[in-house]
PDB file of N, CA and C in Angstrom:
ATOM      1  N   MET A   1      40.108 -57.416 130.863  1.00  0.00           N
ATOM      2  CA  MET A   1      41.182 -56.398 130.776  1.00  0.00           C
ATOM      3  C   MET A   1      40.688 -55.316 129.731  1.00  0.00           C
ATOM      4  N   LYS A   2      40.050 -55.890 128.606  1.00  0.00           N
ATOM      5  CA  LYS A   2      39.510 -54.819 127.640  1.00  0.00           C
ATOM      6  C   LYS A   2      38.378 -53.993 128.363  1.00  0.00           C
ATOM      7  N   GLU A   3      37.629 -54.628 129.076  1.00  0.00           N
ATOM      8  CA  GLU A   3      36.655 -53.969 129.476  1.00  0.00           C
ATOM      9  C   GLU A   3      36.868 -52.753 130.504  1.00  0.00           C
ATOM     10  N   VAL A   4      37.989 -53.168 131.184  1.00  0.00           N
ATOM     11  CA  VAL A   4      38.298 -52.221 132.207  1.00  0.00           C
ATOM     12  C   VAL A   4      38.836 -50.842 131.513  1.00  0.00           C
ATOM     13  N   GLN A   5      39.643 -51.073 130.606  1.00  0.00           N
ATOM     14  CA  GLN A   5      40.119 -49.958 129.512  1.00  0.00           C
ATOM     15  C   GLN A   5      39.264 -49.251 128.984  1.00  0.00           C
ATOM     16  N   SER A   6      38.233 -49.789 128.286  1.00  0.00           N
ATOM     17  CA  SER A   6      36.967 -49.241 127.897  1.00  0.00           C
ATOM     18  C   SER A   6      36.376 -48.230 129.052  1.00  0.00           C
ATOM     19  N   MET A   7      36.164 -48.863 130.042  1.00  0.00           N
ATOM     20  CA  MET A   7      35.501 -48.351 131.341  1.00  0.00           C
ATOM     21  C   MET A   7      36.425 -46.735 131.482  1.00  0.00           C
ATOM     22  N   LYS A   8      37.527 -46.909 131.607  1.00  0.00           N
ATOM     23  CA  LYS A   8      38.309 -45.764 131.620  1.00  0.00           C
ATOM     24  C   LYS A   8      38.079 -44.777 130.875  1.00  0.00           C
ATOM     25  N   GLY A   9      38.270 -45.164 129.789  1.00  0.00           N
ATOM     26  CA  GLY A   9      38.026 -43.957 128.584  1.00  0.00           C
ATOM     27  C   GLY A   9      36.906 -43.769 128.596  1.00  0.00           C
ATOM     28  N   ARG A  10      35.618 -44.230 128.868  1.00  0.00           N
ATOM     29  CA  ARG A  10      34.518 -43.616 129.036  1.00  0.00           C
ATOM     30  C   ARG A  10      34.268 -42.338 130.095  1.00  0.00           C
ATOM     31  N   HIS A  11      34.719 -42.966 131.209  1.00  0.00           N
ATOM     32  CA  HIS A  11      34.800 -42.170 132.481  1.00  0.00           C
ATOM     33  C   HIS A  11      35.659 -40.686 131.913  1.00  0.00           C
ATOM     34  N   ASN A  12      36.740 -40.953 131.338  1.00  0.00           N
ATOM     35  CA  ASN A  12      37.554 -39.677 130.869  1.00  0.00           C
ATOM     36  C   ASN A  12      36.441 -39.014 129.816  1.00  0.00           C
ATOM     37  N   GLN A  13      35.796 -39.744 128.878  1.00  0.00           N
ATOM     38  CA  GLN A  13      35.084 -38.628 128.168  1.00  0.00           C
ATOM     39  C   GLN A  13      34.067 -37.803 128.596  1.00  0.00           C
ATOM     40  N   ASN A  14      33.484 -38.885 129.930  1.00  0.00           N
ATOM     41  CA  ASN A  14      32.142 -38.074 130.599  1.00  0.00           C
ATOM     42  C   ASN A  14      33.067 -36.604 131.482  1.00  0.00           C
ATOM     43  N   ARG A  15      33.928 -37.031 131.875  1.00  0.00           N
ATOM     44  CA  ARG A  15      34.705 -35.836 132.526  1.00  0.00           C
ATOM     45  C   ARG A  15      35.226 -34.778 131.657  1.00  0.00           C
ATOM     46  N   MET A  16      35.484 -35.043 130.406  1.00  0.00           N
ATOM     47  CA  MET A  16      35.716 -34.088 129.630  1.00  0.00           C
ATOM     48  C   MET A  16      34.600 -33.460 129.372  1.00  0.00           C
ATOM     49  N   SER A  17      33.472 -34.218 128.804  1.00  0.00           N
ATOM     50  CA  SER A  17      32.276 -33.478 128.400  1.00  0.00           C
ATOM     51  C   SER A  17      31.572 -32.423 129.389  1.00  0.00           C
ATOM     52  N   VAL A  18      31.757 -32.906 130.599  1.00  0.00           N
ATOM     53  CA  VAL A  18      31.044 -32.147 131.803  1.00  0.00           C
ATOM     54  C   VAL A  18      31.792 -30.741 131.885  1.00  0.00           C
ATOM     55  N   GLU A  19      33.250 -30.896 131.845  1.00  0.00           N
ATOM     56  CA  GLU A  19      34.197 -29.687 131.837  1.00  0.00           C
ATOM     57  C   GLU A  19      33.889 -28.729 130.966  1.00  0.00           C
ATOM     58  N   TYR A  20      33.644 -29.471 129.499  1.00  0.00           N
ATOM     59  CA  TYR A  20      33.743 -28.604 128.324  1.00  0.00           C
ATOM     60  C   TYR A  20      32.227 -27.847 128.656  1.00  0.00           C
ATOM     61  N   LYS A  21      31.097 -28.433 129.050  1.00  0.00           N
ATOM     62  CA  LYS A  21      29.889 -27.872 129.408  1.00  0.00           C
ATOM     63  C   LYS A  21      29.922 -26.841 130.354  1.00  0.00           C
ATOM     64  N   MET A  22      30.933 -27.234 131.134  1.00  0.00           N
ATOM     65  CA  MET A  22      30.880 -25.791 132.375  1.00  0.00           C
ATOM     66  C   MET A  22      31.903 -24.662 131.930  1.00  0.00           C
ATOM     67  N   GLN A  23      32.831 -25.041 131.052  1.00  0.00           N
ATOM     68  CA  GLN A  23      33.569 -24.016 130.685  1.00  0.00           C
ATOM     69  C   GLN A  23      32.770 -23.235 129.535  1.00  0.00           C
ATOM     70  N   PHE A  24      31.908 -23.863 128.582  1.00  0.00           N
ATOM     71  CA  PHE A  24      31.265 -23.200 127.925  1.00  0.00           C
ATOM     72  C   PHE A  24      30.028 -22.184 128.383  1.00  0.00           C
ATOM     73  N   THR A  25      29.562 -22.584 129.672  1.00  0.00           N
ATOM     74  CA  THR A  25      28.554 -21.958 130.272  1.00  0.00           C
ATOM     75  C   THR A  25      29.155 -20.661 130.794  1.00  0.00           C
ATOM     76  N   VAL A  26      30.327 -21.117 131.346  1.00  0.00           N
ATOM     77  CA  VAL A  26      31.114 -19.837 131.920  1.00  0.00           C
ATOM     78  C   VAL A  26      30.984 -18.703 130.950  1.00  0.00           C
ATOM     79  N   GLU A  27      31.684 -19.284 129.817  1.00  0.00           N
ATOM     80  CA  GLU A  27      31.980 -17.971 128.746  1.00  0.00           C
ATOM     81  C   GLU A  27      30.934 -17.303 128.278  1.00  0.00           C
ATOM     82  N   GLN A  28      29.707 -18.069 128.285  1.00  0.00           N
ATOM     83  CA  GLN A  28      28.302 -17.704 127.771  1.00  0.00           C
ATOM     84  C   GLN A  28      28.001 -16.692 128.492  1.00  0.00           C
ATOM     85  N   GLU A  29      28.052 -16.977 129.820  1.00  0.00           N
ATOM     86  CA  GLU A  29      27.401 -16.024 130.713  1.00  0.00           C
ATOM     87  C   GLU A  29      28.364 -14.650 130.989  1.00  0.00           C
ATOM     88  N   LYS A  30      29.845 -14.492 130.578  1.00  0.00           N
ATOM     89  CA  LYS A  30      30.678 -13.657 130.612  1.00  0.00           C
ATOM     90  C   LYS A  30      30.223 -12.616 129.552  1.00  0.00           C
ATOM     91  N   ARG A  31      29.962 -13.197 128.377  1.00  0.00           N
ATOM     92  CA  ARG A  31      29.525 -12.558 127.304  1.00  0.00           C
ATOM     93  C   ARG A  31      28.090 -12.288 127.596  1.00  0.00           C
ATOM     94  N   ASP A  32      27.080 -12.492 128.117  1.00  0.00           N
ATOM     95  CA  ASP A  32      25.997 -11.984 128.230  1.00  0.00           C
ATOM     96  C   ASP A  32      26.140 -10.682 129.407  1.00  0.00           C
ATOM     97  N   TYR A  33      26.989 -11.035 130.172  1.00  0.00           N
ATOM     98  CA  TYR A  33      27.487  -9.817 131.415  1.00  0.00           C
ATOM     99  C   TYR A  33      27.753  -8.628 130.667  1.00  0.00           C
ATOM    100  N   GLU A  34      28.792  -8.976 129.747  1.00  0.00           N
ATOM    101  CA  GLU A  34      29.462  -7.936 128.857  1.00  0.00           C
ATOM    102  C   GLU A  34      28.880  -7.187 127.791  1.00  0.00           C
ATOM    103  N   THR A  35      27.783  -8.088 127.422  1.00  0.00           N
ATOM    104  CA  THR A  35      26.832  -7.354 126.284  1.00  0.00           C
ATOM    105  C   THR A  35      25.582  -6.627 126.895  1.00  0.00           C
ATOM    106  N   CYS A  36      24.587  -7.695 126.560  1.00  0.00           N
ATOM    107  CA  CYS A  36      23.397  -7.502 127.258  1.00  0.00           C
ATOM    108  C   CYS A  36      22.982  -7.308 128.545  1.00  0.00           C
ATOM    109  N   GLY A  37      23.665  -8.229 129.446  1.00  0.00           N
ATOM    110  CA  GLY A  37      23.364  -8.282 131.004  1.00  0.00           C
ATOM    111  C   GLY A  37      22.670  -9.495 130.831  1.00  0.00           C
ATOM    112  N   PHE A  38      22.222  -9.989 132.199  1.00  0.00           N
ATOM    113  CA  PHE A  38      21.232 -10.965 132.555  1.00  0.00           C
ATOM    114  C   PHE A  38      20.373 -10.595 133.589  1.00  0.00           C
ATOM    115  N   GLU A  39      19.446 -11.345 133.798  1.00  0.00           N
ATOM    116  CA  GLU A  39      18.428 -11.082 134.907  1.00  0.00           C
ATOM    117  C   GLU A  39      18.444 -11.866 136.176  1.00  0.00           C
ATOM    118  N   VAL A  40      18.545 -11.124 137.507  1.00  0.00           N
ATOM    119  CA  VAL A  40      18.721 -12.127 138.428  1.00  0.00           C
ATOM    120  C   VAL A  40      17.221 -11.342 139.657  1.00  0.00           C
ATOM    121  N   PRO A  41      17.154 -12.415 140.538  1.00  0.00           N
ATOM    122  CA  PRO A  41      15.916 -11.828 141.399  1.00  0.00           C
ATOM    123  C   PRO A  41      16.462 -10.783 142.099  1.00  0.00           C
ATOM    124  N   ASN A  42      15.794  -9.993 142.432  1.00  0.00           N
ATOM    125  CA  ASN A  42      16.272  -8.583 143.483  1.00  0.00           C
ATOM    126  C   ASN A  42      15.818  -9.077 144.560  1.00  0.00           C
ATOM    127  N   LEU A  43      17.043  -9.253 145.532  1.00  0.00           N
ATOM    128  CA  LEU A  43      16.772  -9.699 146.769  1.00  0.00           C
ATOM    129  C   LEU A  43      17.296  -8.610 147.846  1.00  0.00           C
ATOM    130  N   THR A  44      17.117  -7.413 147.375  1.00  0.00           N
ATOM    131  CA  THR A  44      17.555  -6.082 148.145  1.00  0.00           C
ATOM    132  C   THR A  44      16.357  -5.583 149.015  1.00  0.00           C
ATOM    133  N   THR A  45      15.052  -5.708 148.399  1.00  0.00           N
ATOM    134  CA  THR A  45      14.205  -5.495 149.366  1.00  0.00           C
ATOM    135  C   THR A  45      13.525  -6.494 150.100  1.00  0.00           C
ATOM    136  N   THR A  46      12.962  -6.290 151.309  1.00  0.00           N
ATOM    137  CA  THR A  46      12.133  -7.170 152.133  1.00  0.00           C
ATOM    138  C   THR A  46      11.322  -8.061 151.357  1.00  0.00           C
ATOM    139  N   LYS A  47      10.463  -7.604 150.712  1.00  0.00           N
ATOM    140  CA  LYS A  47       9.356  -7.636 149.916  1.00  0.00           C
ATOM    141  C   LYS A  47       9.622  -8.845 148.926  1.00  0.00           C
ATOM    142  N   SER A  48      10.488  -8.387 148.160  1.00  0.00           N
ATOM    143  CA  SER A  48      11.012  -9.419 147.393  1.00  0.00           C
ATOM    144  C   SER A  48      11.749 -10.644 147.796  1.00  0.00           C
ATOM    145  N   PHE A  49      12.537 -10.353 148.749  1.00  0.00           N
ATOM    146  CA  PHE A  49      13.449 -11.670 149.439  1.00  0.00           C
ATOM    147  C   PHE A  49      12.347 -12.347 150.008  1.00  0.00           C
ATOM    148  N   GLU A  50      11.544 -11.918 150.754  1.00  0.00           N
ATOM    149  CA  GLU A  50      10.571 -13.241 151.072  1.00  0.00           C
ATOM    150  C   GLU A  50       9.695 -13.935 150.264  1.00  0.00           C
ATOM    151  N   TYR A  51       9.313 -12.949 149.245  1.00  0.00           N
ATOM    152  CA  TYR A  51       8.540 -13.612 147.985  1.00  0.00           C
ATOM    153  C   TYR A  51       9.454 -14.804 147.589  1.00  0.00           C
ATOM    154  N   PHE A  52      10.564 -14.455 146.984  1.00  0.00           N
ATOM    155  CA  PHE A  52      11.720 -15.355 146.558  1.00  0.00           C
ATOM    156  C   PHE A  52      11.998 -16.634 147.764  1.00  0.00           C
ATOM    157  N   LYS A  53      12.047 -16.320 148.718  1.00  0.00           N
ATOM    158  CA  LYS A  53      12.389 -17.312 149.652  1.00  0.00           C
ATOM    159  C   LYS A  53      11.181 -18.276 149.794  1.00  0.00           C
ATOM    160  N   ASN A  54      10.015 -18.031 149.555  1.00  0.00           N
ATOM    161  CA  ASN A  54       8.764 -18.833 149.904  1.00  0.00           C
ATOM    162  C   ASN A  54       8.449 -19.208 148.782  1.00  0.00           C
ATOM    163  N   TRP A  55       8.861 -19.002 147.475  1.00  0.00           N
ATOM    164  CA  TRP A  55       8.395 -19.363 145.988  1.00  0.00           C
ATOM    165  C   TRP A  55       8.491 -21.127 146.034  1.00  0.00           C
ATOM    166  N   ASP A  56       7.532 -21.431 145.434  1.00  0.00           N
ATOM    167  CA  ASP A  56       7.471 -22.668 145.308  1.00  0.00           C
ATOM    168  C   ASP A  56       8.282 -23.571 143.884  1.00  0.00           C
ATOM    169  N   LYS A  57       8.798 -22.673 143.349  1.00  0.00           N
ATOM    170  CA  LYS A  57       9.412 -22.897 141.932  1.00  0.00           C
ATOM    171  C   LYS A  57       8.467 -23.017 140.795  1.00  0.00           C
ATOM    172  N   ASP A  58       6.861 -22.796 140.948  1.00  0.00           N
ATOM    173  CA  ASP A  58       6.103 -22.616 140.030  1.00  0.00           C
ATOM    174  C   ASP A  58       6.196 -21.618 138.740  1.00  0.00           C
ATOM    175  N   VAL A  59       6.364 -22.284 137.499  1.00  0.00           N
ATOM    176  CA  VAL A  59       6.672 -20.980 136.522  1.00  0.00           C
ATOM    177  C   VAL A  59       5.528 -20.133 136.548  1.00  0.00           C
ATOM    178  N   ARG A  60       4.395 -20.464 136.706  1.00  0.00           N
ATOM    179  CA  ARG A  60       3.148 -19.566 136.820  1.00  0.00           C
ATOM    180  C   ARG A  60       3.509 -18.201 137.728  1.00  0.00           C
ATOM    181  N   PHE A  61       4.218 -18.372 138.601  1.00  0.00           N
ATOM    182  CA  PHE A  61       4.520 -17.203 139.505  1.00  0.00           C
ATOM    183  C   PHE A  61       5.913 -16.429 139.224  1.00  0.00           C
ATOM    184  N   LEU A  62       6.467 -16.800 138.191  1.00  0.00           N
ATOM    185  CA  LEU A  62       7.749 -16.845 138.237  1.00  0.00           C
ATOM    186  C   LEU A  62       8.144 -15.069 137.780  1.00  0.00           C
ATOM    187  N   SER A  63       6.689 -14.545 137.002  1.00  0.00           N
ATOM    188  CA  SER A  63       6.572 -12.962 137.012  1.00  0.00           C
ATOM    189  C   SER A  63       6.389 -12.268 137.967  1.00  0.00           C
ATOM    190  N   ALA A  64       6.140 -12.484 139.057  1.00  0.00           N
ATOM    191  CA  ALA A  64       5.705 -11.813 140.455  1.00  0.00           C
ATOM    192  C   ALA A  64       6.917 -11.726 141.231  1.00  0.00           C
ATOM    193  N   ILE A  65       8.257 -12.167 140.929  1.00  0.00           N
ATOM    194  CA  ILE A  65       9.439 -11.882 141.502  1.00  0.00           C
ATOM    195  C   ILE A  65      10.042 -10.680 140.916  1.00  0.00           C
ATOM    196  N   ASP A  66      10.475  -9.756 141.524  1.00  0.00           N
ATOM    197  CA  ASP A  66      11.300  -8.861 140.826  1.00  0.00           C
ATOM    198  C   ASP A  66      12.603  -8.812 140.245  1.00  0.00           C
ATOM    199  N   LEU A  67      12.821  -8.577 139.167  1.00  0.00           N
ATOM    200  CA  LEU A  67      14.417  -8.975 138.745  1.00  0.00           C
ATOM    201  C   LEU A  67      14.937  -7.612 138.488  1.00  0.00           C
ATOM    202  N   VAL A  68      16.148  -7.557 138.724  1.00  0.00           N
ATOM    203  CA  VAL A  68      17.407  -6.563 138.169  1.00  0.00           C
ATOM    204  C   VAL A  68      18.084  -6.989 137.317  1.00  0.00           C
ATOM    205  N   VAL A  69      18.702  -6.394 135.949  1.00  0.00           N
ATOM    206  CA  VAL A  69      19.748  -6.811 135.356  1.00  0.00           C
ATOM    207  C   VAL A  69      20.832  -6.258 135.649  1.00  0.00           C
ATOM    208  N   CYS A  70      22.021  -7.400 135.662  1.00  0.00           N
ATOM    209  CA  CYS A  70      23.313  -7.371 135.964  1.00  0.00           C
ATOM    210  C   CYS A  70      24.074  -7.277 134.875  1.00  0.00           C
ATOM    211  N   LYS A  71      24.824  -6.038 134.497  1.00  0.00           N
ATOM    212  CA  LYS A  71      25.621  -6.015 133.403  1.00  0.00           C
ATOM    213  C   LYS A  71      26.803  -4.998 133.532  1.00  0.00           C
ATOM    214  N   SER A  72      27.827  -5.054 132.914  1.00  0.00           N
ATOM    215  CA  SER A  72      29.142  -4.627 132.760  1.00  0.00           C
ATOM    216  C   SER A  72      28.878  -3.114 132.743  1.00  0.00           C
ATOM    217  N   PRO A  73      29.620  -2.568 133.606  1.00  0.00           N
ATOM    218  CA  PRO A  73      29.420  -0.904 133.627  1.00  0.00           C
ATOM    219  C   PRO A  73      29.924  -0.265 132.404  1.00  0.00           C
ATOM    220  N   LYS A  74      30.706  -1.123 131.500  1.00  0.00           N
ATOM    221  CA  LYS A  74      30.981  -0.567 130.242  1.00  0.00           C
ATOM    222  C   LYS A  74      29.937  -0.541 129.104  1.00  0.00           C
ATOM    223  N   CYS A  75      28.823  -1.393 129.662  1.00  0.00           N
ATOM    224  CA  CYS A  75      27.770  -1.525 128.639  1.00  0.00           C
ATOM    225  C   CYS A  75      26.604  -0.345 128.843  1.00  0.00           C
ATOM    226  N   LYS A  76      26.092   0.316 127.884  1.00  0.00           N
ATOM    227  CA  LYS A  76      25.234   1.197 127.964  1.00  0.00           C
ATOM    228  C   LYS A  76      23.870   0.799 127.490  1.00  0.00           C
TER     229      LYS A  76
END
């Protein structure tokens, strides 16, 4: 019986930990957006889109992907 109860507690702790991490990430991304912004791949041009689509996730070629900064219009 104690084992079952301890397992339930662990599950709740893991779930809370995951929820906390998700909430923390969302808040951090909101702060980034409202202050300095964050970079995302520029998928508005055919060349950039095709390169990104075929990219093999090798970090060495990350600099070849065109990026744009997304930030709040309130930022200057």
